[in-house]
Amino acid sequence: MTTTQTTTARVPFWRRALQPIGEHRRAYLIINAAAYGLAIIGFVVGLLFPELSAARATALEDDGTGELVRWLVNVPPLFALTILGVNLFRLSVLTIVLPSLVVPFAGLALFGYWAVETGITLVPASPQGWVALIPHALTVLIELQAYVLLLLGAFVLGRSWLLPRSVGAENRRQGYLWGLRRLGLLVLPALALLIIGAVWEAYSLRYFVHPLSELLLG
């Protein structure tokens, strides 16, 4: 075993999992600003054009999502599991990771569209909705940070794939594999955040929104 391998083995796994952030701090900060910024832009657009937010709400009702959420909110463990499944597979895997494995940076573009659309969807249509947004804001912060980690991995993968010499690789195949390992390191902390976000969202909607509405709205 070489000295480098010995040193790596002694580093706690959680530190190695977050290593790409330290290696690409500037990209991490830019992706954070873009992810949260696009969601805020979508929210502002929804405020300025209520018909867009209403159209999104109608679409969610038409496809059965609204009814499903109203039923699941009374069963927090199942609700949390459903939220985790949607966020993990539809958003993390299908929107960010898989497209980036095929086309460099594709996941970043797809996520950008989703972030704006989600911002529009988040605009409340009632006073109760504004109250619900108070605990839900924390959900958004947590889940977006999970996506930011995956977006950073997608960025690192795309960069090392197209510019292999920037990471000391001899060709694009080696650069792709190097970036894939960095993406893999970021998956576990992203998953941990998604679990925390799903549990918080399910239980806060079930137990916090009603008493908070009673307190604030009377």
Protein backbone atom coordinates (compact mmCIF):
# COMPACT_ATOMS: atom_id res chain seq x y z
CA MET A 1 0.00 0.00 0.00
CA THR A 2 1.38 3.41 -0.98
CA THR A 3 1.62 6.43 1.31
CA THR A 4 -1.23 8.11 -0.59
CA GLN A 5 -3.46 5.06 -0.19
CA THR A 6 -2.64 4.87 3.52
CA THR A 7 -3.50 8.55 4.00
CA THR A 8 -6.76 8.14 2.08
CA ALA A 9 -7.72 5.13 4.18
CA ARG A 10 -7.25 7.13 7.36
CA VAL A 11 -9.53 9.95 6.22
CA PRO A 12 -13.08 9.49 7.59
CA PHE A 13 -15.54 8.55 4.88
CA TRP A 14 -17.77 11.57 5.49
CA ARG A 15 -14.78 13.84 4.84
CA ARG A 16 -13.94 12.02 1.63
CA ALA A 17 -17.59 12.26 0.57
CA LEU A 18 -17.43 16.04 0.87
CA GLN A 19 -13.97 16.31 -0.68
CA PRO A 20 -15.28 17.42 -4.11
CA ILE A 21 -16.74 20.54 -2.46
CA GLY A 22 -13.29 21.61 -1.26
CA GLU A 23 -11.75 20.77 -4.62
CA HIS A 24 -14.33 22.79 -6.54
CA ARG A 25 -15.41 25.42 -4.03
CA ARG A 26 -16.00 28.15 -6.61
CA ALA A 27 -18.20 25.90 -8.75
CA TYR A 28 -20.07 24.79 -5.62
CA LEU A 29 -20.85 28.39 -4.66
CA ILE A 30 -21.93 29.29 -8.19
CA ILE A 31 -24.21 26.24 -8.42
CA ASN A 32 -25.73 27.14 -5.04
CA ALA A 33 -26.45 30.68 -6.22
CA ALA A 34 -27.94 29.39 -9.49
CA ALA A 35 -30.12 26.69 -7.89
CA TYR A 36 -31.63 28.88 -5.18
CA GLY A 37 -31.69 31.90 -7.48
CA LEU A 38 -33.68 30.11 -10.19
CA ALA A 39 -36.20 28.87 -7.64
CA ILE A 40 -36.61 32.42 -6.32
CA ILE A 41 -36.98 33.75 -9.87
CA GLY A 42 -39.72 31.19 -10.48
CA PHE A 43 -41.44 32.23 -7.26
CA VAL A 44 -41.33 35.90 -8.27
CA VAL A 45 -42.69 35.04 -11.71
CA GLY A 46 -45.53 33.15 -10.02
CA LEU A 47 -46.29 36.19 -7.88
CA LEU A 48 -46.27 38.53 -10.88
CA PHE A 49 -48.31 36.20 -13.06
CA PRO A 50 -50.78 34.36 -10.78
CA GLU A 51 -52.31 32.60 -13.76
CA LEU A 52 -49.08 30.59 -14.18
CA SER A 53 -49.19 29.44 -10.58
CA ALA A 54 -52.90 28.65 -10.92
CA ALA A 55 -52.20 26.64 -14.07
CA ARG A 56 -49.57 24.58 -12.22
CA ALA A 57 -52.00 23.97 -9.35
CA THR A 58 -54.69 22.89 -11.82
CA ALA A 59 -52.26 20.52 -13.53
CA LEU A 60 -51.40 18.91 -10.20
CA GLU A 61 -55.10 18.43 -9.46
CA ASP A 62 -55.83 17.03 -12.91
CA ASP A 63 -53.08 14.40 -12.70
CA GLY A 64 -54.19 13.32 -9.23
CA THR A 65 -51.16 14.63 -7.37
CA GLY A 66 -53.17 17.03 -5.22
CA GLU A 67 -55.61 14.35 -4.08
CA LEU A 68 -52.77 11.91 -3.37
CA VAL A 69 -50.93 14.48 -1.24
CA ARG A 70 -54.06 15.27 0.78
CA TRP A 71 -54.45 11.57 1.54
CA LEU A 72 -50.79 10.90 2.29
CA VAL A 73 -50.41 13.88 4.62
CA ASN A 74 -52.40 11.96 7.25
CA VAL A 75 -49.89 9.08 7.14
CA PRO A 76 -46.51 10.79 7.70
CA PRO A 77 -44.25 7.67 7.41
CA LEU A 78 -45.78 6.72 4.05
CA PHE A 79 -45.81 10.36 2.96
CA ALA A 80 -42.10 10.70 3.79
CA LEU A 81 -41.30 7.52 1.87
CA THR A 82 -43.26 8.75 -1.14
CA ILE A 83 -41.54 12.13 -1.07
CA LEU A 84 -38.15 10.44 -0.85
CA GLY A 85 -38.97 8.16 -3.76
CA VAL A 86 -40.04 11.05 -5.98
CA ASN A 87 -37.08 13.24 -5.04
CA LEU A 88 -34.60 10.41 -5.35
CA PHE A 89 -35.66 8.79 -8.59
CA ARG A 90 -37.58 11.35 -10.63
CA LEU A 91 -35.50 14.38 -9.71
CA SER A 92 -32.08 13.16 -8.59
CA VAL A 93 -31.62 10.18 -10.90
CA LEU A 94 -33.75 10.95 -13.95
CA THR A 95 -33.33 14.74 -14.01
CA ILE A 96 -29.74 15.24 -12.85
CA VAL A 97 -27.60 12.10 -12.81
CA LEU A 98 -28.62 9.94 -15.78
CA PRO A 99 -28.72 12.79 -18.35
CA SER A 100 -25.27 13.92 -17.18
CA LEU A 101 -23.89 10.41 -17.70
CA VAL A 102 -24.87 10.63 -21.36
CA VAL A 103 -24.47 14.32 -22.26
CA PRO A 104 -22.02 16.58 -20.36
CA PHE A 105 -23.82 19.09 -18.11
CA ALA A 106 -27.28 17.97 -19.33
CA GLY A 107 -28.51 17.52 -15.77
CA LEU A 108 -27.69 21.12 -14.92
CA ALA A 109 -29.87 22.44 -17.76
CA LEU A 110 -32.79 20.14 -16.92
CA PHE A 111 -32.59 21.05 -13.25
CA GLY A 112 -32.61 24.75 -14.10
CA TYR A 113 -35.94 24.35 -15.87
CA TRP A 114 -37.32 22.32 -12.95
CA ALA A 115 -36.18 24.92 -10.40
CA VAL A 116 -38.03 27.76 -12.15
CA GLU A 117 -41.15 25.64 -12.58
CA THR A 118 -41.04 24.60 -8.93
CA GLY A 119 -40.66 28.20 -7.82
CA ILE A 120 -43.84 29.05 -9.74
CA THR A 121 -45.65 26.09 -8.16
CA LEU A 122 -44.67 27.15 -4.63
CA VAL A 123 -46.62 30.42 -4.79
CA PRO A 124 -49.52 30.03 -2.30
CA ALA A 125 -53.09 30.64 -3.41
CA SER A 126 -54.56 31.21 0.08
CA PRO A 127 -53.63 32.55 3.52
CA GLN A 128 -53.31 28.95 4.73
CA GLY A 129 -50.90 28.33 1.90
CA TRP A 130 -48.68 31.18 3.04
CA VAL A 131 -48.65 29.73 6.54
CA ALA A 132 -47.72 26.30 5.18
CA LEU A 133 -44.86 27.93 3.29
CA ILE A 134 -43.16 28.84 6.59
CA PRO A 135 -42.14 25.27 7.54
CA HIS A 136 -41.98 24.26 3.88
CA ALA A 137 -39.27 26.87 3.26
CA LEU A 138 -36.90 24.72 5.33
CA THR A 139 -37.84 21.72 3.20
CA VAL A 140 -36.91 23.65 0.07
CA LEU A 141 -33.56 24.71 1.55
CA ILE A 142 -32.66 21.14 2.52
CA GLU A 143 -33.77 19.45 -0.67
CA LEU A 144 -32.20 22.04 -2.95
CA GLN A 145 -28.91 21.56 -1.14
CA ALA A 146 -29.11 17.84 -1.87
CA TYR A 147 -29.63 18.63 -5.55
CA VAL A 148 -26.75 21.12 -5.44
CA LEU A 149 -24.40 18.32 -4.37
CA LEU A 150 -25.56 16.18 -7.28
CA LEU A 151 -25.29 19.14 -9.64
CA LEU A 152 -21.72 19.69 -8.48
CA GLY A 153 -21.01 16.04 -9.23
CA ALA A 154 -22.57 16.43 -12.68
CA PHE A 155 -20.45 19.53 -13.30
CA VAL A 156 -17.23 17.82 -12.20
CA LEU A 157 -18.08 14.80 -14.37
CA GLY A 158 -18.74 16.96 -17.43
CA ARG A 159 -15.59 19.02 -16.93
CA SER A 160 -13.29 16.05 -16.41
CA TRP A 161 -14.95 14.29 -19.36
CA LEU A 162 -14.43 17.15 -21.80
CA LEU A 163 -11.13 18.41 -20.32
CA PRO A 164 -9.43 15.28 -18.96
CA ARG A 165 -6.05 16.96 -18.59
CA SER A 166 -7.56 19.41 -16.08
CA VAL A 167 -7.72 16.50 -13.61
CA GLY A 168 -4.50 14.82 -14.67
CA ALA A 169 -6.18 12.20 -16.87
CA GLU A 170 -4.60 11.11 -20.13
CA ASN A 171 -7.80 10.76 -22.14
CA ARG A 172 -11.54 11.35 -21.93
CA ARG A 173 -12.28 7.83 -20.78
CA GLN A 174 -10.04 8.29 -17.76
CA GLY A 175 -11.46 11.75 -17.19
CA TYR A 176 -15.01 10.32 -17.30
CA LEU A 177 -14.16 7.64 -14.75
CA TRP A 178 -12.46 10.20 -12.50
CA GLY A 179 -15.51 12.45 -12.61
CA LEU A 180 -17.82 9.49 -12.05
CA ARG A 181 -15.98 8.64 -8.83
CA ARG A 182 -16.35 12.23 -7.63
CA LEU A 183 -20.07 12.13 -8.42
CA GLY A 184 -20.32 8.86 -6.51
CA LEU A 185 -18.74 10.46 -3.44
CA LEU A 186 -21.43 13.14 -3.40
CA VAL A 187 -24.34 10.72 -3.69
CA LEU A 188 -24.37 9.66 -0.02
CA PRO A 189 -24.45 13.16 1.55
CA ALA A 190 -27.10 14.11 -1.01
CA LEU A 191 -29.13 11.04 -0.05
CA ALA A 192 -28.81 11.92 3.65
CA LEU A 193 -30.20 15.40 2.96
CA LEU A 194 -33.05 13.99 0.88
CA ILE A 195 -34.03 11.68 3.74
CA ILE A 196 -33.94 14.55 6.24
CA GLY A 197 -35.94 16.75 3.88
CA ALA A 198 -38.57 14.08 3.24
CA VAL A 199 -39.08 13.38 6.96
CA TRP A 200 -39.28 17.09 7.80
CA GLU A 201 -41.73 17.80 4.97
CA ALA A 202 -44.05 14.94 5.87
CA TYR A 203 -44.17 15.58 9.60
CA SER A 204 -44.20 19.39 9.42
CA LEU A 205 -47.18 19.38 7.05
CA ARG A 206 -49.01 16.94 9.30
CA TYR A 207 -48.30 18.45 12.71
CA PHE A 208 -47.11 22.06 12.32
CA VAL A 209 -49.23 23.71 9.64
CA HIS A 210 -52.65 23.47 11.36
CA PRO A 211 -51.59 24.82 14.79
CA LEU A 212 -49.51 27.48 13.07
CA SER A 213 -52.53 28.51 10.99
CA GLU A 214 -54.66 28.68 14.13
CA LEU A 215 -52.04 30.87 15.79
CA LEU A 216 -51.43 33.24 12.89
CA LEU A 217 -54.83 33.36 11.21
CA GLY A 218 -57.03 33.00 14.29
